[in-house]
Amino acid sequence: MDKCRPSRKQRFCLPRGSSVIAATIALWPHISCAITFSHGDVLRIGQRVWQNECNGTISGLTAWNGGEDFASLGIGHFIWYPKGRRGPFEESFPKLISFISTRGAKLPTLLLKSSEQPCPWNSRAEFLQAQHTPEMNQLRQFLVDTIDLQAEFLIARL
């Protein structure tokens, strides 16, 4: 080990070229924001989140849990409140749709009106009745087709 001083009273000493290390440490928050992932990495992250959160099932991409006032959609269980309802959680599904839309993905008919539209189902019972409708199937297919973009959205929010 190279020592700055040959005594036991040695204090912290940076090695030669330490200005690079010091600058890196000082700029770390800015450097960490510049981390990028390849499309393959983003897709793998999305697949893992989908497996973890929805058991990797297509039906798991659309949920409305008992006792909740909102739909949970996509790999990140993005919240979508019905008209006039708000809750303790941030509504994230409209933000996801806006994010995906700016990436050029084709939106399903259900989502074409506006990215800020409320959830079309007013209750869990209505949501469950709509499970096999063309709109719900189209929504699920859209969510399957945009796993990578949902993962990008999660990463951007992180």
C-alpha atoms as a PDB file:
ATOM      1  CA  MET A   1       0.000   0.000   0.000  1.00  0.00           C
ATOM      2  CA  ASP A   2       1.373   3.389  -0.970  1.00  0.00           C
ATOM      3  CA  LYS A   3       1.288   5.840   1.887  1.00  0.00           C
ATOM      4  CA  CYS A   4       1.329   9.600   1.729  1.00  0.00           C
ATOM      5  CA  ARG A   5       3.311   9.690   4.959  1.00  0.00           C
ATOM      6  CA  PRO A   6       5.275   6.926   6.646  1.00  0.00           C
ATOM      7  CA  SER A   7       3.732   7.388  10.104  1.00  0.00           C
ATOM      8  CA  ARG A   8       0.811   5.803  11.960  1.00  0.00           C
ATOM      9  CA  LYS A   9      -0.806   9.245  12.164  1.00  0.00           C
ATOM     10  CA  GLN A  10      -1.637   9.083   8.518  1.00  0.00           C
ATOM     11  CA  ARG A  11      -4.714  11.024   7.535  1.00  0.00           C
ATOM     12  CA  PHE A  12      -6.981  10.433   4.584  1.00  0.00           C
ATOM     13  CA  CYS A  13      -5.024  10.895   1.414  1.00  0.00           C
ATOM     14  CA  LEU A  14      -6.352  10.736  -2.131  1.00  0.00           C
ATOM     15  CA  PRO A  15      -4.229   8.900  -4.687  1.00  0.00           C
ATOM     16  CA  ARG A  16      -2.766  10.623  -7.740  1.00  0.00           C
ATOM     17  CA  GLY A  17      -5.449  11.587 -10.191  1.00  0.00           C
ATOM     18  CA  SER A  18      -7.819  12.107  -7.292  1.00  0.00           C
ATOM     19  CA  SER A  19      -9.267  15.232  -8.856  1.00  0.00           C
ATOM     20  CA  VAL A  20     -11.073  12.951 -11.313  1.00  0.00           C
ATOM     21  CA  ILE A  21     -12.494  10.908  -8.430  1.00  0.00           C
ATOM     22  CA  ALA A  22     -13.508  14.042  -6.520  1.00  0.00           C
ATOM     23  CA  ALA A  23     -15.195  15.500  -9.607  1.00  0.00           C
ATOM     24  CA  THR A  24     -17.015  12.231 -10.237  1.00  0.00           C
ATOM     25  CA  ILE A  25     -18.304  12.162  -6.663  1.00  0.00           C
ATOM     26  CA  ALA A  26     -19.364  15.825  -6.863  1.00  0.00           C
ATOM     27  CA  LEU A  27     -21.212  15.252 -10.130  1.00  0.00           C
ATOM     28  CA  TRP A  28     -22.692  11.868  -9.176  1.00  0.00           C
ATOM     29  CA  PRO A  29     -26.355  12.998  -9.031  1.00  0.00           C
ATOM     30  CA  HIS A  30     -26.024  14.409 -12.548  1.00  0.00           C
ATOM     31  CA  ILE A  31     -24.194  11.379 -13.880  1.00  0.00           C
ATOM     32  CA  SER A  32     -26.721   8.938 -12.444  1.00  0.00           C
ATOM     33  CA  CYS A  33     -29.518  10.767 -14.285  1.00  0.00           C
ATOM     34  CA  ALA A  34     -27.752  10.049 -17.554  1.00  0.00           C
ATOM     35  CA  ILE A  35     -27.922   6.269 -17.220  1.00  0.00           C
ATOM     36  CA  THR A  36     -29.429   4.716 -20.312  1.00  0.00           C
ATOM     37  CA  PHE A  37     -30.680   1.238 -21.071  1.00  0.00           C
ATOM     38  CA  SER A  38     -30.787  -0.610 -24.364  1.00  0.00           C
ATOM     39  CA  HIS A  39     -34.200  -1.530 -25.718  1.00  0.00           C
ATOM     40  CA  GLY A  40     -33.463  -5.164 -24.846  1.00  0.00           C
ATOM     41  CA  ASP A  41     -32.686  -4.227 -21.245  1.00  0.00           C
ATOM     42  CA  VAL A  42     -35.886  -2.165 -20.976  1.00  0.00           C
ATOM     43  CA  LEU A  43     -37.904  -5.049 -22.391  1.00  0.00           C
ATOM     44  CA  ARG A  44     -36.319  -7.498 -19.929  1.00  0.00           C
ATOM     45  CA  ILE A  45     -37.116  -5.132 -17.058  1.00  0.00           C
ATOM     46  CA  GLY A  46     -40.692  -4.847 -18.307  1.00  0.00           C
ATOM     47  CA  GLN A  47     -41.035  -8.625 -18.584  1.00  0.00           C
ATOM     48  CA  ARG A  48     -39.753  -9.067 -15.024  1.00  0.00           C
ATOM     49  CA  VAL A  49     -42.095  -6.435 -13.619  1.00  0.00           C
ATOM     50  CA  TRP A  50     -44.988  -8.036 -15.545  1.00  0.00           C
ATOM     51  CA  GLN A  51     -44.086 -11.447 -14.125  1.00  0.00           C
ATOM     52  CA  ASN A  52     -43.773 -10.073 -10.598  1.00  0.00           C
ATOM     53  CA  GLU A  53     -46.837  -7.835 -10.553  1.00  0.00           C
ATOM     54  CA  CYS A  54     -49.264  -9.678 -12.852  1.00  0.00           C
ATOM     55  CA  ASN A  55     -47.908 -13.227 -12.760  1.00  0.00           C
ATOM     56  CA  GLY A  56     -47.035 -12.710 -16.431  1.00  0.00           C
ATOM     57  CA  THR A  57     -50.682 -13.077 -17.451  1.00  0.00           C
ATOM     58  CA  ILE A  58     -52.582 -10.941 -19.920  1.00  0.00           C
ATOM     59  CA  SER A  59     -55.637 -10.896 -17.656  1.00  0.00           C
ATOM     60  CA  GLY A  60     -53.420  -9.614 -14.841  1.00  0.00           C
ATOM     61  CA  LEU A  61     -52.800  -6.430 -16.827  1.00  0.00           C
ATOM     62  CA  THR A  62     -56.324  -5.233 -16.037  1.00  0.00           C
ATOM     63  CA  ALA A  63     -57.459  -5.406 -12.437  1.00  0.00           C
ATOM     64  CA  TRP A  64     -59.810  -3.746  -9.988  1.00  0.00           C
ATOM     65  CA  ASN A  65     -59.193  -5.065  -6.511  1.00  0.00           C
ATOM     66  CA  GLY A  66     -61.978  -5.486  -3.997  1.00  0.00           C
ATOM     67  CA  GLY A  67     -62.316  -2.558  -1.619  1.00  0.00           C
ATOM     68  CA  GLU A  68     -60.639  -0.135  -4.031  1.00  0.00           C
ATOM     69  CA  ASP A  69     -62.207   2.750  -5.938  1.00  0.00           C
ATOM     70  CA  PHE A  70     -60.061   2.500  -9.050  1.00  0.00           C
ATOM     71  CA  ALA A  71     -58.769   0.256 -11.803  1.00  0.00           C
ATOM     72  CA  SER A  72     -55.131  -0.899 -11.715  1.00  0.00           C
ATOM     73  CA  LEU A  73     -53.785  -1.331 -15.219  1.00  0.00           C
ATOM     74  CA  GLY A  74     -50.568  -2.442 -16.863  1.00  0.00           C
ATOM     75  CA  ILE A  75     -47.374  -3.892 -15.468  1.00  0.00           C
ATOM     76  CA  GLY A  76     -47.067  -1.107 -12.898  1.00  0.00           C
ATOM     77  CA  HIS A  77     -50.663  -1.308 -11.701  1.00  0.00           C
ATOM     78  CA  PHE A  78     -51.147   2.235 -12.929  1.00  0.00           C
ATOM     79  CA  ILE A  79     -54.159   3.766 -11.190  1.00  0.00           C
ATOM     80  CA  TRP A  80     -57.152   5.080 -13.147  1.00  0.00           C
ATOM     81  CA  TYR A  81     -59.979   6.714 -11.202  1.00  0.00           C
ATOM     82  CA  PRO A  82     -63.578   6.943 -12.448  1.00  0.00           C
ATOM     83  CA  LYS A  83     -65.116  10.376 -13.040  1.00  0.00           C
ATOM     84  CA  GLY A  84     -65.440  12.425  -9.871  1.00  0.00           C
ATOM     85  CA  ARG A  85     -63.339  10.105  -7.703  1.00  0.00           C
ATOM     86  CA  ARG A  86     -59.972  10.703  -6.186  1.00  0.00           C
ATOM     87  CA  GLY A  87     -58.130   8.868  -3.501  1.00  0.00           C
ATOM     88  CA  PRO A  88     -55.014   8.704  -1.482  1.00  0.00           C
ATOM     89  CA  PHE A  89     -52.945   7.500  -4.450  1.00  0.00           C
ATOM     90  CA  GLU A  90     -51.621   9.401  -7.431  1.00  0.00           C
ATOM     91  CA  GLU A  91     -53.491   8.673 -10.634  1.00  0.00           C
ATOM     92  CA  SER A  92     -50.803   7.408 -12.995  1.00  0.00           C
ATOM     93  CA  PHE A  93     -52.607   5.690 -15.880  1.00  0.00           C
ATOM     94  CA  PRO A  94     -53.443   8.929 -17.755  1.00  0.00           C
ATOM     95  CA  LYS A  95     -49.780   9.950 -17.422  1.00  0.00           C
ATOM     96  CA  LEU A  96     -48.719   6.570 -18.800  1.00  0.00           C
ATOM     97  CA  ILE A  97     -51.061   6.989 -21.786  1.00  0.00           C
ATOM     98  CA  SER A  98     -49.671  10.446 -22.472  1.00  0.00           C
ATOM     99  CA  PHE A  99     -46.108   9.057 -22.260  1.00  0.00           C
ATOM    100  CA  ILE A 100     -46.901   6.151 -24.594  1.00  0.00           C
ATOM    101  CA  SER A 101     -48.748   8.427 -27.015  1.00  0.00           C
ATOM    102  CA  THR A 102     -45.707  10.698 -27.381  1.00  0.00           C
ATOM    103  CA  ARG A 103     -43.691   7.602 -28.338  1.00  0.00           C
ATOM    104  CA  GLY A 104     -46.001   7.058 -31.322  1.00  0.00           C
ATOM    105  CA  ALA A 105     -47.830   3.931 -30.150  1.00  0.00           C
ATOM    106  CA  LYS A 106     -51.289   3.383 -31.568  1.00  0.00           C
ATOM    107  CA  LEU A 107     -53.869   3.874 -28.817  1.00  0.00           C
ATOM    108  CA  PRO A 108     -56.937   1.648 -28.549  1.00  0.00           C
ATOM    109  CA  THR A 109     -60.328   3.218 -29.286  1.00  0.00           C
ATOM    110  CA  LEU A 110     -61.120   3.392 -25.577  1.00  0.00           C
ATOM    111  CA  LEU A 111     -58.200   5.790 -25.046  1.00  0.00           C
ATOM    112  CA  LEU A 112     -58.449   7.972 -28.150  1.00  0.00           C
ATOM    113  CA  LYS A 113     -60.616  10.737 -26.633  1.00  0.00           C
ATOM    114  CA  SER A 114     -57.993  12.237 -24.360  1.00  0.00           C
ATOM    115  CA  SER A 115     -55.191  11.070 -22.145  1.00  0.00           C
ATOM    116  CA  GLU A 116     -56.906  12.834 -19.221  1.00  0.00           C
ATOM    117  CA  GLN A 117     -60.262  11.081 -19.566  1.00  0.00           C
ATOM    118  CA  PRO A 118     -61.617   9.291 -16.503  1.00  0.00           C
ATOM    119  CA  CYS A 119     -61.860   5.537 -16.220  1.00  0.00           C
ATOM    120  CA  PRO A 120     -64.953   4.441 -18.199  1.00  0.00           C
ATOM    121  CA  TRP A 121     -66.047   1.972 -15.518  1.00  0.00           C
ATOM    122  CA  ASN A 122     -67.650   3.550 -12.464  1.00  0.00           C
ATOM    123  CA  SER A 123     -67.344   0.577 -10.155  1.00  0.00           C
ATOM    124  CA  ARG A 124     -65.620  -2.740  -9.718  1.00  0.00           C
ATOM    125  CA  ALA A 125     -68.888  -4.483 -10.665  1.00  0.00           C
ATOM    126  CA  GLU A 126     -69.022  -2.621 -14.009  1.00  0.00           C
ATOM    127  CA  PHE A 127     -65.347  -3.388 -14.592  1.00  0.00           C
ATOM    128  CA  LEU A 128     -65.853  -7.101 -13.939  1.00  0.00           C
ATOM    129  CA  GLN A 129     -68.889  -7.194 -16.253  1.00  0.00           C
ATOM    130  CA  ALA A 130     -66.724  -5.715 -19.024  1.00  0.00           C
ATOM    131  CA  GLN A 131     -63.999  -8.369 -18.786  1.00  0.00           C
ATOM    132  CA  HIS A 132     -64.768  -9.989 -22.148  1.00  0.00           C
ATOM    133  CA  THR A 133     -65.877  -6.956 -24.128  1.00  0.00           C
ATOM    134  CA  PRO A 134     -64.040  -5.899 -27.288  1.00  0.00           C
ATOM    135  CA  GLU A 135     -62.871  -2.705 -25.529  1.00  0.00           C
ATOM    136  CA  MET A 136     -61.308  -4.620 -22.643  1.00  0.00           C
ATOM    137  CA  ASN A 137     -59.655  -7.111 -25.007  1.00  0.00           C
ATOM    138  CA  GLN A 138     -58.302  -4.232 -27.083  1.00  0.00           C
ATOM    139  CA  LEU A 139     -57.017  -2.530 -23.914  1.00  0.00           C
ATOM    140  CA  ARG A 140     -55.274  -5.716 -22.797  1.00  0.00           C
ATOM    141  CA  GLN A 141     -53.655  -6.197 -26.207  1.00  0.00           C
ATOM    142  CA  PHE A 142     -52.465  -2.583 -26.100  1.00  0.00           C
ATOM    143  CA  LEU A 143     -50.934  -3.205 -22.662  1.00  0.00           C
ATOM    144  CA  VAL A 144     -49.186  -6.365 -23.917  1.00  0.00           C
ATOM    145  CA  ASP A 145     -47.863  -4.508 -26.967  1.00  0.00           C
ATOM    146  CA  THR A 146     -46.450  -1.670 -24.856  1.00  0.00           C
ATOM    147  CA  ILE A 147     -44.621  -3.590 -22.114  1.00  0.00           C
ATOM    148  CA  ASP A 148     -41.376  -1.893 -23.150  1.00  0.00           C
ATOM    149  CA  LEU A 149     -42.920   1.589 -23.052  1.00  0.00           C
ATOM    150  CA  GLN A 150     -44.498   0.907 -19.671  1.00  0.00           C
ATOM    151  CA  ALA A 151     -41.067  -0.124 -18.391  1.00  0.00           C
ATOM    152  CA  GLU A 152     -39.570   3.083 -19.829  1.00  0.00           C
ATOM    153  CA  PHE A 153     -42.263   5.036 -17.997  1.00  0.00           C
ATOM    154  CA  LEU A 154     -41.456   3.253 -14.730  1.00  0.00           C
ATOM    155  CA  ILE A 155     -37.743   3.940 -15.215  1.00  0.00           C
ATOM    156  CA  ALA A 156     -38.387   7.613 -16.038  1.00  0.00           C
ATOM    157  CA  ARG A 157     -40.491   7.996 -12.896  1.00  0.00           C
ATOM    158  CA  LEU A 158     -37.872   6.266 -10.786  1.00  0.00           C
END
